[in-house]
Amino acid sequence: MNVSRKLGILIFCAVPAIVGGGIVYALFHNYAAVLAYEILLLLTAGAFLSR
């Protein structure tokens, strides 16, 4: 996998991290839930990058 594809995957995952983090906080009013969401998203992005 080349560098431009890896950067594209990171950008593709950055938008849900920002927007999704706000949505999760609005639903649960808890930063622990946002942290769990961000870690799950980071693990998913890491799985795509390791391929």
Protein backbone atom coordinates (compact mmCIF):
# COMPACT_ATOMS: atom_id res chain seq x y z
CA MET A 1 0.00 0.00 0.00
CA ASN A 2 1.50 3.33 -1.01
CA VAL A 3 1.76 6.46 1.10
CA SER A 4 -1.05 8.36 -0.65
CA ARG A 5 -3.50 5.53 0.01
CA LYS A 6 -2.51 5.41 3.69
CA LEU A 7 -3.02 9.16 4.01
CA GLY A 8 -6.39 8.85 2.32
CA ILE A 9 -7.46 6.23 4.85
CA LEU A 10 -6.34 8.46 7.72
CA ILE A 11 -8.31 11.42 6.33
CA PHE A 12 -11.31 9.16 5.78
CA CYS A 13 -11.14 8.17 9.46
CA ALA A 14 -10.46 11.71 10.75
CA VAL A 15 -13.86 13.06 9.70
CA PRO A 16 -15.83 10.43 11.64
CA ALA A 17 -13.53 10.99 14.60
CA ILE A 18 -14.39 14.69 14.77
CA VAL A 19 -18.06 14.52 13.85
CA GLY A 20 -18.74 11.19 15.54
CA GLY A 21 -17.04 12.30 18.73
CA GLY A 22 -19.41 15.25 18.93
CA ILE A 23 -22.42 13.04 18.29
CA VAL A 24 -21.34 10.52 20.94
CA TYR A 25 -20.83 13.33 23.46
CA ALA A 26 -24.23 14.81 22.62
CA LEU A 27 -25.89 11.45 23.19
CA PHE A 28 -24.11 10.35 26.38
CA HIS A 29 -22.74 13.63 27.88
CA ASN A 30 -19.67 11.69 28.93
CA TYR A 31 -16.08 11.92 27.75
CA ALA A 32 -15.44 8.28 28.61
CA ALA A 33 -17.89 7.25 25.88
CA VAL A 34 -16.11 9.56 23.44
CA LEU A 35 -12.77 8.04 24.40
CA ALA A 36 -14.14 4.53 23.83
CA TYR A 37 -15.49 5.59 20.43
CA GLU A 38 -12.17 7.15 19.45
CA ILE A 39 -10.21 4.06 20.51
CA LEU A 40 -12.54 1.82 18.52
CA LEU A 41 -12.12 4.05 15.49
CA LEU A 42 -8.34 4.09 15.94
CA LEU A 43 -8.22 0.30 16.08
CA THR A 44 -10.32 0.08 12.91
CA ALA A 45 -8.05 2.53 11.09
CA GLY A 46 -5.01 0.61 12.29
CA ALA A 47 -6.46 -2.61 10.92
CA PHE A 48 -6.94 -1.01 7.51
CA LEU A 49 -3.44 0.47 7.54
CA SER A 50 -1.75 -2.78 8.51
CA ARG A 51 -3.09 -4.58 5.44
